[in-house]
Amino acid sequence: MPKLTVSIDGVVIREAQLTKDRTSLGRRPYNDIVIDNLAVSGEHAVLQMSGNEVYLEDLNSTNGTYVNGKAVKKQLLQNNDTIEIGKYKIRYLTEADQDGIGTATAARGNAGLAATLAAEAETGLYAGIKVLTGAAAGREVALVKVVTTIGKPGVAVAVITKRPQGYMLAHVEGAILPTLNGAAVDTEAVMLKNGDVLELAGTQMQFVQH
């Protein structure tokens, strides 16, 4: 079945399979795919599946819906099309691509990640987030994935991305910006250092690396 990958600033924050005849996108929480950003309308666009064909239709959104850089009202999607809504890019992949090139790419990506993790195991490097306040205080989450999402959907969500130069923090959605050592962090990613204190949706966390 077709798949969507949602990304911002080149970081994939969500993947979704198209399993229904009608899949809605928008800022309101009742949409199938919620994009909580002021540039996105409450009911922004809809994907309609008919047999093997998927049509994207803009629902008279304020800022418009774009496919491969062109504004569209209704468009038949082709494999690898890029839908743009605000700062978000949504890539449309058909099943054939996922089974073929997509799988090969994923396999290469997984191999690269495995090599990175193996190198970390050898050098003893470890990275994690320790919760300092709230009900989960004392809990520590190891950052073993390339992308780790933290926060509360609809309130404040941030993403920690593992890159060759280290771990980066960026704001993804929600009206409340995360803070790093007291300074607000927007969608522009910032590098994390051992001992840094993050605050998100009223919860304080510490980045640890050793």
N, C-alpha and C. Protein backbone atom coordinates (compact mmCIF):
# COMPACT_ATOMS: atom_id res chain seq x y z
N MET A 1 0.84 -1.19 0.00
CA MET A 1 0.00 0.00 0.00
C MET A 1 0.88 1.24 0.00
N PRO A 2 0.37 2.36 -0.53
CA PRO A 2 1.18 3.58 -0.60
C PRO A 2 1.56 4.07 0.80
N LYS A 3 2.66 4.83 0.85
CA LYS A 3 3.16 5.32 2.13
C LYS A 3 3.52 6.79 2.01
N LEU A 4 3.36 7.53 3.10
CA LEU A 4 3.78 8.92 3.17
C LEU A 4 4.89 9.04 4.20
N THR A 5 5.92 9.83 3.89
CA THR A 5 6.93 10.17 4.89
C THR A 5 6.89 11.68 5.08
N VAL A 6 6.68 12.12 6.31
CA VAL A 6 6.57 13.54 6.63
C VAL A 6 7.90 14.02 7.19
N SER A 7 8.46 15.09 6.62
CA SER A 7 9.75 15.60 7.10
C SER A 7 9.73 17.11 7.20
N ILE A 8 10.62 17.63 8.03
CA ILE A 8 10.84 19.07 8.15
C ILE A 8 12.33 19.29 8.26
N ASP A 9 12.84 20.22 7.44
CA ASP A 9 14.28 20.50 7.40
C ASP A 9 15.10 19.23 7.16
N GLY A 10 14.56 18.33 6.33
CA GLY A 10 15.28 17.11 5.98
C GLY A 10 15.22 16.00 6.99
N VAL A 11 14.51 16.23 8.11
CA VAL A 11 14.40 15.21 9.16
C VAL A 11 13.02 14.56 9.08
N VAL A 12 12.99 13.25 8.86
CA VAL A 12 11.71 12.53 8.80
C VAL A 12 11.15 12.42 10.22
N ILE A 13 9.92 12.93 10.42
CA ILE A 13 9.33 12.90 11.76
C ILE A 13 8.17 11.91 11.85
N ARG A 14 7.70 11.44 10.69
CA ARG A 14 6.59 10.50 10.75
C ARG A 14 6.46 9.74 9.43
N GLU A 15 6.01 8.50 9.54
CA GLU A 15 5.66 7.70 8.36
C GLU A 15 4.24 7.21 8.54
N ALA A 16 3.47 7.17 7.46
CA ALA A 16 2.07 6.73 7.56
C ALA A 16 1.70 5.95 6.31
N GLN A 17 1.08 4.78 6.52
CA GLN A 17 0.57 3.99 5.41
C GLN A 17 -0.83 4.50 5.04
N LEU A 18 -1.11 4.53 3.75
CA LEU A 18 -2.46 4.93 3.31
C LEU A 18 -3.33 3.68 3.26
N THR A 19 -4.12 3.49 4.31
CA THR A 19 -4.94 2.28 4.41
C THR A 19 -6.42 2.55 4.16
N LYS A 20 -6.81 3.83 4.14
CA LYS A 20 -8.23 4.17 3.99
C LYS A 20 -8.49 4.83 2.64
N ASP A 21 -9.74 4.84 2.22
CA ASP A 21 -10.11 5.49 0.97
C ASP A 21 -9.91 7.00 1.07
N ARG A 22 -10.06 7.54 2.30
CA ARG A 22 -9.92 8.98 2.50
C ARG A 22 -9.02 9.23 3.71
N THR A 23 -7.93 9.96 3.49
CA THR A 23 -6.99 10.30 4.55
C THR A 23 -6.86 11.81 4.60
N SER A 24 -7.20 12.40 5.75
CA SER A 24 -7.17 13.87 5.86
C SER A 24 -5.88 14.35 6.51
N LEU A 25 -5.43 15.55 6.06
CA LEU A 25 -4.25 16.20 6.63
C LEU A 25 -4.66 17.58 7.12
N GLY A 26 -4.17 17.97 8.29
CA GLY A 26 -4.48 19.31 8.79
C GLY A 26 -4.00 19.52 10.20
N ARG A 27 -4.26 20.73 10.72
CA ARG A 27 -3.79 21.10 12.05
C ARG A 27 -4.68 20.56 13.17
N ARG A 28 -5.98 20.38 12.88
CA ARG A 28 -6.91 19.93 13.92
C ARG A 28 -6.61 18.48 14.33
N PRO A 29 -6.80 18.15 15.61
CA PRO A 29 -6.41 16.82 16.13
C PRO A 29 -7.21 15.66 15.56
N TYR A 30 -8.38 15.94 14.93
CA TYR A 30 -9.18 14.83 14.41
C TYR A 30 -8.73 14.38 13.02
N ASN A 31 -7.77 15.06 12.42
CA ASN A 31 -7.27 14.62 11.11
C ASN A 31 -6.50 13.31 11.24
N ASP A 32 -6.45 12.56 10.13
CA ASP A 32 -5.69 11.30 10.14
C ASP A 32 -4.20 11.57 10.31
N ILE A 33 -3.72 12.63 9.63
CA ILE A 33 -2.33 13.04 9.78
C ILE A 33 -2.34 14.48 10.28
N VAL A 34 -1.95 14.65 11.55
CA VAL A 34 -2.00 15.97 12.18
C VAL A 34 -0.65 16.66 12.02
N ILE A 35 -0.68 17.89 11.46
CA ILE A 35 0.51 18.72 11.34
C ILE A 35 0.23 20.01 12.10
N ASP A 36 0.74 20.07 13.33
CA ASP A 36 0.41 21.17 14.23
C ASP A 36 1.34 22.35 13.97
N ASN A 37 0.99 23.13 12.95
CA ASN A 37 1.80 24.28 12.58
C ASN A 37 0.85 25.37 12.09
N LEU A 38 1.12 26.63 12.45
CA LEU A 38 0.20 27.71 12.11
C LEU A 38 0.07 27.93 10.60
N ALA A 39 1.04 27.47 9.82
CA ALA A 39 0.96 27.61 8.36
C ALA A 39 0.00 26.59 7.75
N VAL A 40 -0.43 25.63 8.57
CA VAL A 40 -1.31 24.55 8.09
C VAL A 40 -2.74 24.85 8.53
N SER A 41 -3.69 24.73 7.62
CA SER A 41 -5.10 24.97 7.94
C SER A 41 -5.65 23.83 8.79
N GLY A 42 -6.77 24.11 9.50
CA GLY A 42 -7.40 23.10 10.34
C GLY A 42 -7.72 21.84 9.56
N GLU A 43 -8.32 22.01 8.37
CA GLU A 43 -8.55 20.92 7.43
C GLU A 43 -7.88 21.35 6.14
N HIS A 44 -6.66 20.88 5.93
CA HIS A 44 -5.82 21.44 4.86
C HIS A 44 -5.99 20.73 3.51
N ALA A 45 -5.89 19.41 3.55
CA ALA A 45 -5.96 18.64 2.30
C ALA A 45 -6.44 17.23 2.60
N VAL A 46 -6.80 16.52 1.54
CA VAL A 46 -7.26 15.15 1.71
C VAL A 46 -6.66 14.28 0.60
N LEU A 47 -6.33 13.04 0.96
CA LEU A 47 -5.83 12.06 -0.01
C LEU A 47 -6.94 11.04 -0.22
N GLN A 48 -7.35 10.88 -1.48
CA GLN A 48 -8.43 9.94 -1.79
C GLN A 48 -7.87 8.81 -2.65
N MET A 49 -8.08 7.58 -2.16
CA MET A 49 -7.54 6.40 -2.85
C MET A 49 -8.66 5.72 -3.62
N SER A 50 -8.40 5.50 -4.91
CA SER A 50 -9.37 4.82 -5.77
C SER A 50 -8.62 3.75 -6.56
N GLY A 51 -8.76 2.50 -6.11
CA GLY A 51 -7.99 1.42 -6.74
C GLY A 51 -6.52 1.63 -6.46
N ASN A 52 -5.71 1.71 -7.53
CA ASN A 52 -4.28 1.94 -7.37
C ASN A 52 -3.91 3.42 -7.48
N GLU A 53 -4.92 4.26 -7.63
CA GLU A 53 -4.65 5.69 -7.82
C GLU A 53 -4.95 6.46 -6.54
N VAL A 54 -4.09 7.45 -6.26
CA VAL A 54 -4.30 8.32 -5.10
C VAL A 54 -4.33 9.77 -5.57
N TYR A 55 -5.41 10.46 -5.25
CA TYR A 55 -5.56 11.87 -5.60
C TYR A 55 -5.38 12.73 -4.35
N LEU A 56 -4.64 13.82 -4.51
CA LEU A 56 -4.49 14.81 -3.44
C LEU A 56 -5.39 16.00 -3.78
N GLU A 57 -6.19 16.42 -2.82
CA GLU A 57 -7.09 17.56 -3.04
C GLU A 57 -6.91 18.59 -1.93
N ASP A 58 -6.67 19.84 -2.33
CA ASP A 58 -6.56 20.94 -1.37
C ASP A 58 -7.97 21.35 -0.94
N LEU A 59 -8.16 21.54 0.38
CA LEU A 59 -9.49 21.87 0.90
C LEU A 59 -9.62 23.38 1.15
N ASN A 60 -9.32 24.16 0.09
CA ASN A 60 -9.38 25.63 0.18
C ASN A 60 -8.55 26.14 1.36
N SER A 61 -7.36 25.59 1.51
CA SER A 61 -6.49 25.98 2.62
C SER A 61 -6.00 27.42 2.44
N THR A 62 -5.59 28.03 3.55
CA THR A 62 -5.14 29.42 3.52
C THR A 62 -3.85 29.58 2.72
N ASN A 63 -2.89 28.69 2.95
CA ASN A 63 -1.57 28.83 2.33
C ASN A 63 -1.32 27.90 1.15
N GLY A 64 -2.32 27.09 0.80
CA GLY A 64 -2.19 26.26 -0.38
C GLY A 64 -1.45 24.95 -0.16
N THR A 65 -1.60 24.07 -1.15
CA THR A 65 -0.93 22.77 -1.15
C THR A 65 -0.12 22.68 -2.44
N TYR A 66 1.12 22.23 -2.32
CA TYR A 66 2.01 22.18 -3.48
C TYR A 66 2.48 20.75 -3.72
N VAL A 67 2.61 20.40 -5.00
CA VAL A 67 3.18 19.11 -5.39
C VAL A 67 4.36 19.41 -6.32
N ASN A 68 5.54 18.98 -5.90
CA ASN A 68 6.78 19.23 -6.66
C ASN A 68 6.93 20.71 -7.00
N GLY A 69 6.57 21.56 -6.02
CA GLY A 69 6.78 23.00 -6.19
C GLY A 69 5.65 23.76 -6.86
N LYS A 70 4.62 23.07 -7.33
CA LYS A 70 3.51 23.73 -8.02
C LYS A 70 2.23 23.66 -7.19
N ALA A 71 1.52 24.80 -7.09
CA ALA A 71 0.26 24.83 -6.34
C ALA A 71 -0.77 23.97 -7.06
N VAL A 72 -1.52 23.16 -6.30
CA VAL A 72 -2.52 22.27 -6.90
C VAL A 72 -3.84 22.39 -6.16
N LYS A 73 -4.92 22.13 -6.88
CA LYS A 73 -6.24 22.01 -6.26
C LYS A 73 -6.59 20.53 -6.13
N LYS A 74 -6.36 19.79 -7.22
CA LYS A 74 -6.55 18.34 -7.20
C LYS A 74 -5.54 17.73 -8.15
N GLN A 75 -4.86 16.70 -7.67
CA GLN A 75 -3.75 16.15 -8.45
C GLN A 75 -3.64 14.65 -8.23
N LEU A 76 -3.44 13.92 -9.33
CA LEU A 76 -3.15 12.49 -9.24
C LEU A 76 -1.68 12.35 -8.85
N LEU A 77 -1.41 11.66 -7.75
CA LEU A 77 -0.03 11.53 -7.28
C LEU A 77 0.72 10.42 -8.00
N GLN A 78 1.98 10.69 -8.28
CA GLN A 78 2.88 9.71 -8.88
C GLN A 78 3.93 9.33 -7.83
N ASN A 79 4.51 8.14 -8.01
CA ASN A 79 5.53 7.68 -7.06
C ASN A 79 6.63 8.73 -6.91
N ASN A 80 7.03 8.98 -5.68
CA ASN A 80 8.13 9.89 -5.33
C ASN A 80 7.75 11.37 -5.43
N ASP A 81 6.47 11.69 -5.62
CA ASP A 81 6.04 13.08 -5.60
C ASP A 81 6.28 13.67 -4.21
N THR A 82 6.58 14.95 -4.16
CA THR A 82 6.76 15.65 -2.88
C THR A 82 5.65 16.66 -2.69
N ILE A 83 4.85 16.46 -1.64
CA ILE A 83 3.77 17.37 -1.28
C ILE A 83 4.35 18.37 -0.28
N GLU A 84 4.09 19.66 -0.50
CA GLU A 84 4.59 20.68 0.42
C GLU A 84 3.42 21.39 1.08
N ILE A 85 3.42 21.38 2.41
CA ILE A 85 2.41 22.08 3.21
C ILE A 85 3.16 22.87 4.27
N GLY A 86 3.18 24.19 4.13
CA GLY A 86 4.00 25.00 5.04
C GLY A 86 5.46 24.61 4.88
N LYS A 87 6.15 24.41 6.01
CA LYS A 87 7.56 24.01 5.97
C LYS A 87 7.72 22.50 5.84
N TYR A 88 6.60 21.79 5.85
CA TYR A 88 6.65 20.33 5.84
C TYR A 88 6.68 19.77 4.42
N LYS A 89 7.48 18.75 4.23
CA LYS A 89 7.53 18.03 2.95
C LYS A 89 7.02 16.61 3.19
N ILE A 90 6.07 16.19 2.37
CA ILE A 90 5.48 14.86 2.51
C ILE A 90 5.76 14.10 1.22
N ARG A 91 6.53 13.03 1.35
CA ARG A 91 6.91 12.25 0.17
C ARG A 91 5.93 11.10 -0.02
N TYR A 92 5.46 10.95 -1.25
CA TYR A 92 4.50 9.88 -1.57
C TYR A 92 5.26 8.73 -2.23
N LEU A 93 5.14 7.54 -1.63
CA LEU A 93 5.84 6.36 -2.15
C LEU A 93 4.83 5.25 -2.41
N THR A 94 4.92 4.66 -3.59
CA THR A 94 4.04 3.53 -3.89
C THR A 94 4.66 2.26 -3.34
N GLU A 95 3.86 1.21 -3.28
CA GLU A 95 4.32 -0.06 -2.71
C GLU A 95 5.48 -0.62 -3.49
N ALA A 96 5.44 -0.44 -4.82
CA ALA A 96 6.50 -0.99 -5.67
C ALA A 96 7.84 -0.38 -5.29
N ASP A 97 7.83 0.93 -5.04
CA ASP A 97 9.08 1.58 -4.69
C ASP A 97 9.58 1.12 -3.33
N GLN A 98 8.64 0.93 -2.39
CA GLN A 98 9.03 0.48 -1.06
C GLN A 98 9.67 -0.91 -1.12
N ASP A 99 9.14 -1.76 -2.00
CA ASP A 99 9.65 -3.12 -2.09
C ASP A 99 10.98 -3.17 -2.83
N GLY A 100 11.18 -2.19 -3.73
CA GLY A 100 12.38 -2.21 -4.55
C GLY A 100 13.45 -1.27 -4.04
N ILE A 101 13.49 -0.07 -4.67
CA ILE A 101 14.54 0.89 -4.33
C ILE A 101 14.45 1.28 -2.86
N GLY A 102 13.21 1.50 -2.41
CA GLY A 102 13.02 1.94 -1.02
C GLY A 102 13.62 0.96 -0.03
N THR A 103 13.40 -0.33 -0.29
CA THR A 103 13.92 -1.35 0.62
C THR A 103 15.44 -1.37 0.58
N ALA A 104 15.99 -1.23 -0.63
CA ALA A 104 17.44 -1.23 -0.77
C ALA A 104 18.03 -0.05 -0.02
N THR A 105 17.38 1.12 -0.16
CA THR A 105 17.86 2.32 0.53
C THR A 105 17.78 2.12 2.03
N ALA A 106 16.65 1.55 2.48
CA ALA A 106 16.47 1.31 3.91
C ALA A 106 17.53 0.35 4.42
N ALA A 107 17.84 -0.68 3.61
CA ALA A 107 18.83 -1.66 4.01
C ALA A 107 20.20 -1.00 4.16
N ARG A 108 20.52 -0.09 3.20
CA ARG A 108 21.79 0.63 3.30
C ARG A 108 21.81 1.50 4.55
N GLY A 109 20.66 2.17 4.79
CA GLY A 109 20.55 3.03 5.97
C GLY A 109 20.71 2.23 7.24
N ASN A 110 20.07 1.06 7.30
CA ASN A 110 20.16 0.22 8.50
C ASN A 110 21.57 -0.29 8.69
N ALA A 111 22.23 -0.62 7.57
CA ALA A 111 23.60 -1.11 7.65
C ALA A 111 24.50 -0.01 8.21
N GLY A 112 24.26 1.23 7.73
CA GLY A 112 25.04 2.37 8.21
C GLY A 112 24.82 2.59 9.69
N LEU A 113 23.55 2.48 10.12
CA LEU A 113 23.21 2.66 11.53
C LEU A 113 23.86 1.57 12.38
N ALA A 114 23.81 0.33 11.87
CA ALA A 114 24.41 -0.79 12.60
C ALA A 114 25.91 -0.57 12.78
N ALA A 115 26.53 -0.06 11.72
CA ALA A 115 27.97 0.21 11.80
C ALA A 115 28.25 1.30 12.82
N THR A 116 27.39 2.32 12.84
CA THR A 116 27.55 3.42 13.80
C THR A 116 27.41 2.91 15.23
N LEU A 117 26.37 2.08 15.44
CA LEU A 117 26.13 1.54 16.78
C LEU A 117 27.28 0.63 17.20
N ALA A 118 27.81 -0.13 16.23
CA ALA A 118 28.94 -1.02 16.54
C ALA A 118 30.16 -0.20 16.93
N ALA A 119 30.36 0.91 16.21
CA ALA A 119 31.51 1.78 16.52
C ALA A 119 31.34 2.39 17.91
N GLU A 120 30.09 2.76 18.25
CA GLU A 120 29.83 3.33 19.56
C GLU A 120 30.09 2.29 20.66
N ALA A 121 29.71 1.04 20.37
CA ALA A 121 29.91 -0.03 21.35
C ALA A 121 31.39 -0.21 21.62
N GLU A 122 32.20 -0.06 20.54
CA GLU A 122 33.64 -0.23 20.70
C GLU A 122 34.26 0.93 21.48
N THR A 123 33.79 2.15 21.17
CA THR A 123 34.40 3.32 21.81
C THR A 123 33.76 3.64 23.16
N GLY A 124 32.63 2.98 23.46
CA GLY A 124 31.98 3.20 24.74
C GLY A 124 31.10 4.44 24.79
N LEU A 125 30.87 5.06 23.64
CA LEU A 125 30.03 6.26 23.61
C LEU A 125 28.56 5.87 23.84
N TYR A 126 27.90 6.66 24.65
CA TYR A 126 26.48 6.43 24.94
C TYR A 126 25.80 7.78 25.01
N ALA A 127 24.57 7.85 24.52
CA ALA A 127 23.80 9.08 24.64
C ALA A 127 22.39 8.74 25.09
N GLY A 128 21.83 9.59 25.94
CA GLY A 128 20.48 9.35 26.43
C GLY A 128 19.88 10.62 26.99
N ILE A 129 18.59 10.55 27.31
CA ILE A 129 17.87 11.65 27.92
C ILE A 129 17.37 11.19 29.28
N LYS A 130 17.74 11.94 30.33
CA LYS A 130 17.32 11.62 31.69
C LYS A 130 16.24 12.61 32.12
N VAL A 131 15.10 12.10 32.55
CA VAL A 131 13.99 12.96 32.97
C VAL A 131 14.26 13.44 34.40
N LEU A 132 14.20 14.77 34.60
CA LEU A 132 14.53 15.35 35.90
C LEU A 132 13.30 15.69 36.74
N THR A 133 12.18 16.02 36.08
CA THR A 133 10.98 16.44 36.83
C THR A 133 9.75 15.68 36.34
N GLY A 134 8.67 15.79 37.11
CA GLY A 134 7.42 15.16 36.69
C GLY A 134 7.29 13.72 37.14
N ALA A 135 6.22 13.06 36.68
CA ALA A 135 5.91 11.69 37.11
C ALA A 135 6.99 10.69 36.70
N ALA A 136 7.69 10.99 35.60
CA ALA A 136 8.71 10.05 35.09
C ALA A 136 10.11 10.40 35.56
N ALA A 137 10.24 11.28 36.57
CA ALA A 137 11.56 11.71 37.05
C ALA A 137 12.45 10.51 37.39
N GLY A 138 13.70 10.57 36.93
CA GLY A 138 14.64 9.49 37.18
C GLY A 138 14.75 8.51 36.03
N ARG A 139 13.74 8.53 35.14
CA ARG A 139 13.77 7.60 34.00
C ARG A 139 14.78 8.10 32.97
N GLU A 140 15.49 7.16 32.35
CA GLU A 140 16.45 7.52 31.32
C GLU A 140 16.16 6.74 30.04
N VAL A 141 16.17 7.46 28.94
CA VAL A 141 15.89 6.85 27.63
C VAL A 141 17.15 6.92 26.78
N ALA A 142 17.63 5.77 26.33
CA ALA A 142 18.82 5.73 25.48
C ALA A 142 18.45 6.20 24.07
N LEU A 143 19.30 7.02 23.48
CA LEU A 143 19.06 7.52 22.11
C LEU A 143 19.73 6.57 21.13
N VAL A 144 19.02 5.50 20.79
CA VAL A 144 19.60 4.49 19.90
C VAL A 144 19.09 4.63 18.46
N LYS A 145 17.99 5.39 18.28
CA LYS A 145 17.44 5.56 16.94
C LYS A 145 18.04 6.80 16.27
N VAL A 146 17.94 6.84 14.96
CA VAL A 146 18.44 8.01 14.22
C VAL A 146 17.59 9.24 14.59
N VAL A 147 16.27 9.03 14.73
CA VAL A 147 15.37 10.12 15.09
C VAL A 147 14.57 9.71 16.32
N THR A 148 14.62 10.51 17.38
CA THR A 148 13.84 10.27 18.59
C THR A 148 12.93 11.46 18.83
N THR A 149 11.62 11.20 18.92
CA THR A 149 10.65 12.26 19.16
C THR A 149 10.31 12.31 20.64
N ILE A 150 10.30 13.52 21.21
CA ILE A 150 9.96 13.68 22.63
C ILE A 150 8.89 14.75 22.77
N GLY A 151 8.10 14.68 23.85
CA GLY A 151 7.08 15.69 24.11
C GLY A 151 5.68 15.14 24.07
N LYS A 152 4.71 16.05 24.03
CA LYS A 152 3.30 15.69 24.02
C LYS A 152 2.67 16.19 22.73
N PRO A 153 2.17 15.29 21.86
CA PRO A 153 1.52 15.72 20.61
C PRO A 153 0.40 16.71 20.89
N GLY A 154 0.37 17.78 20.09
CA GLY A 154 -0.66 18.80 20.25
C GLY A 154 -0.28 19.87 21.26
N VAL A 155 0.73 19.61 22.09
CA VAL A 155 1.18 20.59 23.10
C VAL A 155 2.57 21.10 22.73
N ALA A 156 3.52 20.20 22.72
CA ALA A 156 4.90 20.55 22.36
C ALA A 156 5.65 19.28 21.99
N VAL A 157 6.22 19.27 20.79
CA VAL A 157 6.98 18.11 20.33
C VAL A 157 8.32 18.58 19.78
N ALA A 158 9.38 17.90 20.19
CA ALA A 158 10.72 18.18 19.68
C ALA A 158 11.32 16.88 19.15
N VAL A 159 12.37 17.01 18.38
CA VAL A 159 12.99 15.82 17.81
C VAL A 159 14.50 15.90 18.04
N ILE A 160 15.08 14.77 18.43
CA ILE A 160 16.54 14.67 18.59
C ILE A 160 17.04 13.77 17.46
N THR A 161 17.91 14.32 16.63
CA THR A 161 18.40 13.59 15.46
C THR A 161 19.88 13.27 15.63
N LYS A 162 20.19 12.02 15.33
CA LYS A 162 21.59 11.58 15.42
C LYS A 162 22.27 11.85 14.09
N ARG A 163 23.28 12.70 14.10
CA ARG A 163 24.00 13.03 12.88
C ARG A 163 25.48 12.72 13.07
N PRO A 164 26.26 12.68 11.98
CA PRO A 164 27.69 12.32 12.12
C PRO A 164 28.42 13.20 13.13
N GLN A 165 28.04 14.49 13.20
CA GLN A 165 28.76 15.39 14.11
C GLN A 165 28.24 15.35 15.54
N GLY A 166 27.13 14.65 15.77
CA GLY A 166 26.57 14.55 17.12
C GLY A 166 25.06 14.55 17.12
N TYR A 167 24.47 14.89 18.27
CA TYR A 167 23.01 14.88 18.41
C TYR A 167 22.47 16.31 18.31
N MET A 168 21.40 16.47 17.51
CA MET A 168 20.82 17.79 17.27
C MET A 168 19.37 17.81 17.80
N LEU A 169 19.00 18.95 18.39
CA LEU A 169 17.64 19.15 18.91
C LEU A 169 16.93 20.20 18.07
N ALA A 170 15.65 19.93 17.71
CA ALA A 170 14.86 20.92 16.96
C ALA A 170 13.40 20.83 17.38
N HIS A 171 12.72 21.97 17.30
CA HIS A 171 11.28 22.03 17.60
C HIS A 171 10.51 21.53 16.39
N VAL A 172 9.47 20.72 16.61
CA VAL A 172 8.69 20.17 15.50
C VAL A 172 7.29 20.76 15.46
N GLU A 173 6.56 20.71 16.57
CA GLU A 173 5.20 21.22 16.56
C GLU A 173 4.78 21.68 17.95
N GLY A 174 3.69 22.45 18.00
CA GLY A 174 3.19 22.95 19.27
C GLY A 174 3.53 24.42 19.46
N ALA A 175 2.69 25.13 20.21
CA ALA A 175 2.89 26.56 20.44
C ALA A 175 4.02 26.83 21.41
N ILE A 176 4.32 25.84 22.29
CA ILE A 176 5.36 26.03 23.30
C ILE A 176 6.70 25.54 22.76
N LEU A 177 7.68 26.45 22.69
CA LEU A 177 9.00 26.06 22.21
C LEU A 177 9.79 25.37 23.32
N PRO A 178 10.57 24.35 22.96
CA PRO A 178 11.45 23.74 23.96
C PRO A 178 12.56 24.72 24.31
N THR A 179 13.16 24.58 25.48
CA THR A 179 14.32 25.40 25.83
C THR A 179 15.52 24.51 26.08
N LEU A 180 16.69 25.04 25.77
CA LEU A 180 17.95 24.34 26.01
C LEU A 180 18.81 25.26 26.87
N ASN A 181 19.04 24.85 28.12
CA ASN A 181 19.78 25.68 29.08
C ASN A 181 19.15 27.06 29.20
N GLY A 182 17.80 27.10 29.14
CA GLY A 182 17.05 28.35 29.32
C GLY A 182 16.78 29.14 28.06
N ALA A 183 17.40 28.76 26.92
CA ALA A 183 17.20 29.48 25.66
C ALA A 183 16.23 28.71 24.77
N ALA A 184 15.27 29.42 24.16
CA ALA A 184 14.28 28.78 23.31
C ALA A 184 14.92 28.19 22.06
N VAL A 185 14.40 27.03 21.63
CA VAL A 185 14.89 26.35 20.43
C VAL A 185 13.76 26.28 19.42
N ASP A 186 14.01 26.79 18.20
CA ASP A 186 12.99 26.76 17.15
C ASP A 186 13.29 25.59 16.22
N THR A 187 12.79 25.67 14.97
CA THR A 187 13.00 24.57 14.01
C THR A 187 14.45 24.50 13.54
N GLU A 188 15.25 25.54 13.82
CA GLU A 188 16.68 25.51 13.50
C GLU A 188 17.37 24.59 14.51
N ALA A 189 17.93 23.49 14.03
CA ALA A 189 18.50 22.48 14.93
C ALA A 189 19.74 23.01 15.66
N VAL A 190 19.87 22.63 16.93
CA VAL A 190 21.05 23.02 17.72
C VAL A 190 21.74 21.77 18.25
N MET A 191 23.05 21.86 18.39
CA MET A 191 23.85 20.72 18.86
C MET A 191 23.70 20.54 20.37
N LEU A 192 23.58 19.27 20.80
CA LEU A 192 23.49 18.96 22.22
C LEU A 192 24.86 18.58 22.78
N LYS A 193 25.12 19.01 24.01
CA LYS A 193 26.36 18.67 24.69
C LYS A 193 26.04 17.95 26.01
N ASN A 194 26.94 17.12 26.46
CA ASN A 194 26.74 16.39 27.71
C ASN A 194 26.40 17.35 28.85
N GLY A 195 25.32 17.05 29.58
CA GLY A 195 24.93 17.88 30.70
C GLY A 195 23.90 18.95 30.36
N ASP A 196 23.62 19.16 29.07
CA ASP A 196 22.62 20.16 28.68
C ASP A 196 21.26 19.84 29.30
N VAL A 197 20.55 20.88 29.73
CA VAL A 197 19.22 20.70 30.31
C VAL A 197 18.16 21.20 29.34
N LEU A 198 17.22 20.31 28.98
CA LEU A 198 16.12 20.64 28.08
C LEU A 198 14.86 20.79 28.90
N GLU A 199 13.98 21.70 28.46
CA GLU A 199 12.66 21.76 29.08
C GLU A 199 11.63 21.76 27.97
N LEU A 200 10.64 20.86 28.09
CA LEU A 200 9.62 20.70 27.05
C LEU A 200 8.29 20.40 27.72
N ALA A 201 7.29 21.23 27.42
CA ALA A 201 5.94 21.05 27.98
C ALA A 201 5.97 20.91 29.51
N GLY A 202 6.85 21.72 30.15
CA GLY A 202 6.88 21.73 31.62
C GLY A 202 7.74 20.64 32.25
N THR A 203 8.35 19.79 31.42
CA THR A 203 9.20 18.72 31.94
C THR A 203 10.67 19.02 31.65
N GLN A 204 11.52 18.88 32.66
CA GLN A 204 12.94 19.09 32.48
C GLN A 204 13.65 17.76 32.24
N MET A 205 14.58 17.78 31.29
CA MET A 205 15.35 16.58 30.96
C MET A 205 16.81 16.98 30.80
N GLN A 206 17.68 16.01 30.97
CA GLN A 206 19.11 16.28 30.80
C GLN A 206 19.69 15.35 29.73
N PHE A 207 20.48 15.92 28.84
CA PHE A 207 21.16 15.12 27.82
C PHE A 207 22.47 14.61 28.40
N VAL A 208 22.64 13.30 28.35
CA VAL A 208 23.87 12.71 28.87
C VAL A 208 24.58 11.93 27.78
N GLN A 209 25.88 12.09 27.73
CA GLN A 209 26.68 11.37 26.74
C GLN A 209 28.02 11.02 27.37
N HIS A 210 28.37 9.74 27.26
CA HIS A 210 29.64 9.29 27.84
C HIS A 210 30.13 8.05 27.13
